Amino acid sequence: MFTFSATDVRALLARGREDALANGGFRLPYHRISPETEARAGLWLVGDEGVYIMSSGKLAEGQRPLQRYGLAYRRRGYRSR
């Protein structure tokens, strides 16, 4: 089971909405699967170097999305105890 702080989830949703307002909408997790008009607010669950959630608003050039690691999972898959 993956666990994330409710405070972090709220912050990510807020940041995604702020980024979308400032930069023209939301990003799609996979391009060419859905039309751009179907992109909407949400969080992305990512599992590349640890497990984390990431905001989905479109980003300005060079801007990075806000992301937060799960409470038990961080980079390189190490578990906190």
N, C-alpha and C. Protein backbone atom coordinates (compact mmCIF):
# COMPACT_ATOMS: atom_id res chain seq x y z
N MET A 1 0.84 -1.17 0.00
CA MET A 1 0.00 0.00 0.00
C MET A 1 0.89 1.24 0.00
N PHE A 2 0.49 2.23 -0.78
CA PHE A 2 1.22 3.49 -0.83
C PHE A 2 0.48 4.51 0.02
N THR A 3 1.21 5.23 0.85
CA THR A 3 0.60 6.22 1.73
C THR A 3 1.24 7.58 1.48
N PHE A 4 0.38 8.59 1.34
CA PHE A 4 0.85 9.96 1.14
C PHE A 4 0.15 10.86 2.14
N SER A 5 0.83 11.87 2.58
CA SER A 5 0.27 12.84 3.52
C SER A 5 -0.88 13.60 2.85
N ALA A 6 -1.98 13.77 3.57
CA ALA A 6 -3.12 14.54 3.05
C ALA A 6 -2.71 15.98 2.75
N THR A 7 -1.84 16.53 3.57
CA THR A 7 -1.33 17.89 3.34
C THR A 7 -0.58 17.97 2.02
N ASP A 8 0.25 16.95 1.73
CA ASP A 8 0.99 16.91 0.47
C ASP A 8 0.05 16.78 -0.72
N VAL A 9 -0.97 15.95 -0.59
CA VAL A 9 -1.93 15.76 -1.69
C VAL A 9 -2.65 17.08 -1.99
N ARG A 10 -3.10 17.77 -0.96
CA ARG A 10 -3.77 19.07 -1.17
C ARG A 10 -2.82 20.07 -1.82
N ALA A 11 -1.57 20.09 -1.39
CA ALA A 11 -0.58 21.03 -1.97
C ALA A 11 -0.33 20.71 -3.44
N LEU A 12 -0.25 19.44 -3.78
CA LEU A 12 -0.03 19.05 -5.17
C LEU A 12 -1.22 19.43 -6.05
N LEU A 13 -2.43 19.19 -5.57
CA LEU A 13 -3.62 19.58 -6.34
C LEU A 13 -3.69 21.08 -6.54
N ALA A 14 -3.38 21.85 -5.49
CA ALA A 14 -3.38 23.31 -5.60
C ALA A 14 -2.32 23.78 -6.59
N ARG A 15 -1.13 23.21 -6.52
CA ARG A 15 -0.05 23.60 -7.44
C ARG A 15 -0.41 23.26 -8.87
N GLY A 16 -1.02 22.10 -9.09
CA GLY A 16 -1.44 21.73 -10.44
C GLY A 16 -2.43 22.72 -11.01
N ARG A 17 -3.39 23.15 -10.20
CA ARG A 17 -4.37 24.15 -10.66
C ARG A 17 -3.70 25.49 -10.94
N GLU A 18 -2.77 25.90 -10.07
CA GLU A 18 -2.05 27.17 -10.28
C GLU A 18 -1.25 27.12 -11.58
N ASP A 19 -0.53 26.02 -11.78
CA ASP A 19 0.26 25.86 -13.01
C ASP A 19 -0.65 25.87 -14.25
N ALA A 20 -1.80 25.21 -14.15
CA ALA A 20 -2.73 25.16 -15.27
C ALA A 20 -3.27 26.55 -15.62
N LEU A 21 -3.62 27.32 -14.61
CA LEU A 21 -4.11 28.68 -14.85
C LEU A 21 -3.03 29.56 -15.48
N ALA A 22 -1.81 29.42 -15.01
CA ALA A 22 -0.71 30.26 -15.49
C ALA A 22 -0.18 29.83 -16.86
N ASN A 23 -0.34 28.53 -17.19
CA ASN A 23 0.33 28.01 -18.40
C ASN A 23 -0.58 27.32 -19.40
N GLY A 24 -1.88 27.50 -19.26
CA GLY A 24 -2.78 27.03 -20.31
C GLY A 24 -3.32 25.62 -20.19
N GLY A 25 -3.58 25.13 -19.01
CA GLY A 25 -4.25 23.84 -18.91
C GLY A 25 -3.44 22.78 -18.18
N PHE A 26 -3.86 21.54 -18.39
CA PHE A 26 -3.23 20.40 -17.73
C PHE A 26 -2.47 19.54 -18.73
N ARG A 27 -1.49 18.82 -18.22
CA ARG A 27 -0.69 17.92 -19.07
C ARG A 27 -1.35 16.54 -19.12
N LEU A 28 -1.07 15.83 -20.19
CA LEU A 28 -1.51 14.44 -20.32
C LEU A 28 -0.35 13.53 -19.94
N PRO A 29 -0.62 12.43 -19.23
CA PRO A 29 0.49 11.54 -18.86
C PRO A 29 1.11 10.85 -20.06
N TYR A 30 0.31 10.55 -21.07
CA TYR A 30 0.81 9.89 -22.28
C TYR A 30 0.30 10.65 -23.48
N HIS A 31 1.19 11.20 -24.26
CA HIS A 31 0.80 11.97 -25.44
C HIS A 31 0.29 11.03 -26.52
N ARG A 32 -0.63 11.55 -27.31
CA ARG A 32 -1.24 10.85 -28.44
C ARG A 32 -2.21 9.75 -28.03
N ILE A 33 -2.50 9.59 -26.76
CA ILE A 33 -3.50 8.61 -26.34
C ILE A 33 -4.86 9.29 -26.24
N SER A 34 -4.88 10.50 -25.71
CA SER A 34 -6.10 11.27 -25.56
C SER A 34 -5.89 12.65 -26.17
N PRO A 35 -6.96 13.24 -26.68
CA PRO A 35 -6.81 14.61 -27.18
C PRO A 35 -6.54 15.59 -26.04
N GLU A 36 -5.83 16.66 -26.34
CA GLU A 36 -5.50 17.67 -25.33
C GLU A 36 -6.73 18.18 -24.60
N THR A 37 -7.88 18.19 -25.26
CA THR A 37 -9.10 18.70 -24.64
C THR A 37 -9.56 17.83 -23.47
N GLU A 38 -9.08 16.61 -23.37
CA GLU A 38 -9.47 15.71 -22.28
C GLU A 38 -8.56 15.81 -21.06
N ALA A 39 -7.50 16.59 -21.14
CA ALA A 39 -6.60 16.75 -20.00
C ALA A 39 -7.34 17.47 -18.88
N ARG A 40 -7.24 16.96 -17.65
CA ARG A 40 -7.91 17.59 -16.51
C ARG A 40 -7.09 17.47 -15.25
N ALA A 41 -7.56 18.14 -14.22
CA ALA A 41 -6.84 18.17 -12.94
C ALA A 41 -6.69 16.76 -12.38
N GLY A 42 -5.56 16.55 -11.72
CA GLY A 42 -5.32 15.27 -11.08
C GLY A 42 -3.90 15.16 -10.59
N LEU A 43 -3.56 13.99 -10.12
CA LEU A 43 -2.20 13.68 -9.68
C LEU A 43 -1.70 12.50 -10.47
N TRP A 44 -0.41 12.43 -10.67
CA TRP A 44 0.19 11.28 -11.34
C TRP A 44 0.94 10.47 -10.31
N LEU A 45 0.71 9.18 -10.28
CA LEU A 45 1.46 8.27 -9.44
C LEU A 45 2.62 7.76 -10.27
N VAL A 46 3.85 8.01 -9.81
CA VAL A 46 5.05 7.68 -10.58
C VAL A 46 5.90 6.71 -9.79
N GLY A 47 6.49 5.75 -10.46
CA GLY A 47 7.34 4.77 -9.79
C GLY A 47 8.61 4.53 -10.57
N ASP A 48 9.47 5.52 -10.69
CA ASP A 48 10.74 5.30 -11.39
C ASP A 48 11.91 5.19 -10.41
N GLU A 49 12.16 6.21 -9.64
CA GLU A 49 13.20 6.17 -8.60
C GLU A 49 12.51 6.38 -7.26
N GLY A 50 11.81 5.39 -6.79
CA GLY A 50 10.97 5.50 -5.62
C GLY A 50 9.53 5.61 -6.08
N VAL A 51 8.63 5.89 -5.19
CA VAL A 51 7.22 6.06 -5.53
C VAL A 51 6.81 7.45 -5.06
N TYR A 52 6.25 8.23 -6.00
CA TYR A 52 5.85 9.59 -5.65
C TYR A 52 4.64 10.01 -6.47
N ILE A 53 3.99 11.09 -6.02
CA ILE A 53 2.91 11.69 -6.77
C ILE A 53 3.39 13.04 -7.28
N MET A 54 2.81 13.46 -8.41
CA MET A 54 3.29 14.66 -9.08
C MET A 54 2.09 15.47 -9.57
N SER A 55 2.20 16.81 -9.54
CA SER A 55 1.13 17.68 -10.03
C SER A 55 1.02 17.58 -11.55
N SER A 56 -0.18 17.90 -12.08
CA SER A 56 -0.43 17.68 -13.51
C SER A 56 -0.64 18.95 -14.33
N GLY A 57 -0.47 20.13 -13.75
CA GLY A 57 -0.64 21.36 -14.52
C GLY A 57 0.48 21.54 -15.54
N LYS A 58 0.15 22.20 -16.66
CA LYS A 58 1.18 22.50 -17.65
C LYS A 58 2.22 23.41 -17.01
N LEU A 59 3.47 23.25 -17.46
CA LEU A 59 4.58 23.97 -16.85
C LEU A 59 5.19 24.98 -17.81
N ALA A 60 5.74 26.04 -17.24
CA ALA A 60 6.48 27.01 -18.03
C ALA A 60 7.82 26.39 -18.42
N GLU A 61 8.45 26.95 -19.41
CA GLU A 61 9.76 26.46 -19.86
C GLU A 61 10.73 26.39 -18.69
N GLY A 62 11.33 25.23 -18.47
CA GLY A 62 12.32 25.05 -17.42
C GLY A 62 11.74 24.80 -16.04
N GLN A 63 10.43 24.90 -15.89
CA GLN A 63 9.80 24.68 -14.58
C GLN A 63 9.65 23.18 -14.33
N ARG A 64 9.79 22.79 -13.06
CA ARG A 64 9.64 21.38 -12.69
C ARG A 64 8.33 21.20 -11.91
N PRO A 65 7.67 20.05 -12.10
CA PRO A 65 6.43 19.82 -11.35
C PRO A 65 6.72 19.59 -9.87
N LEU A 66 5.74 19.90 -9.05
CA LEU A 66 5.85 19.59 -7.63
C LEU A 66 5.65 18.09 -7.46
N GLN A 67 6.48 17.46 -6.66
CA GLN A 67 6.33 16.04 -6.41
C GLN A 67 6.61 15.74 -4.95
N ARG A 68 5.96 14.71 -4.43
CA ARG A 68 6.16 14.28 -3.05
C ARG A 68 6.24 12.77 -3.01
N TYR A 69 7.25 12.28 -2.33
CA TYR A 69 7.43 10.83 -2.19
C TYR A 69 6.46 10.27 -1.16
N GLY A 70 6.09 9.01 -1.35
CA GLY A 70 5.25 8.32 -0.39
C GLY A 70 5.94 8.26 0.96
N LEU A 71 5.15 8.05 2.01
CA LEU A 71 5.71 8.06 3.36
C LEU A 71 6.70 6.93 3.58
N ALA A 72 6.60 5.83 2.86
CA ALA A 72 7.52 4.71 3.07
C ALA A 72 8.46 4.50 1.89
N TYR A 73 8.36 5.30 0.83
CA TYR A 73 9.15 5.07 -0.37
C TYR A 73 9.84 6.35 -0.79
N ARG A 74 11.14 6.26 -1.01
CA ARG A 74 11.88 7.40 -1.52
C ARG A 74 12.75 6.95 -2.69
N ARG A 75 13.60 7.83 -3.14
CA ARG A 75 14.45 7.53 -4.30
C ARG A 75 15.17 6.20 -4.17
N ARG A 76 15.32 5.57 -5.30
CA ARG A 76 16.02 4.29 -5.44
C ARG A 76 15.35 3.16 -4.67
N GLY A 77 14.09 3.35 -4.31
CA GLY A 77 13.30 2.28 -3.72
C GLY A 77 13.61 1.96 -2.28
N TYR A 78 14.40 2.77 -1.59
CA TYR A 78 14.67 2.50 -0.18
C TYR A 78 13.42 2.73 0.63
N ARG A 79 13.19 1.85 1.56
CA ARG A 79 12.05 2.01 2.47
C ARG A 79 12.49 2.67 3.76
N SER A 80 11.72 3.64 4.21
CA SER A 80 12.02 4.21 5.51
C SER A 80 11.40 3.29 6.56
N ARG A 81 11.93 3.30 7.75
CA ARG A 81 11.40 2.41 8.80
C ARG A 81 10.85 3.20 9.94
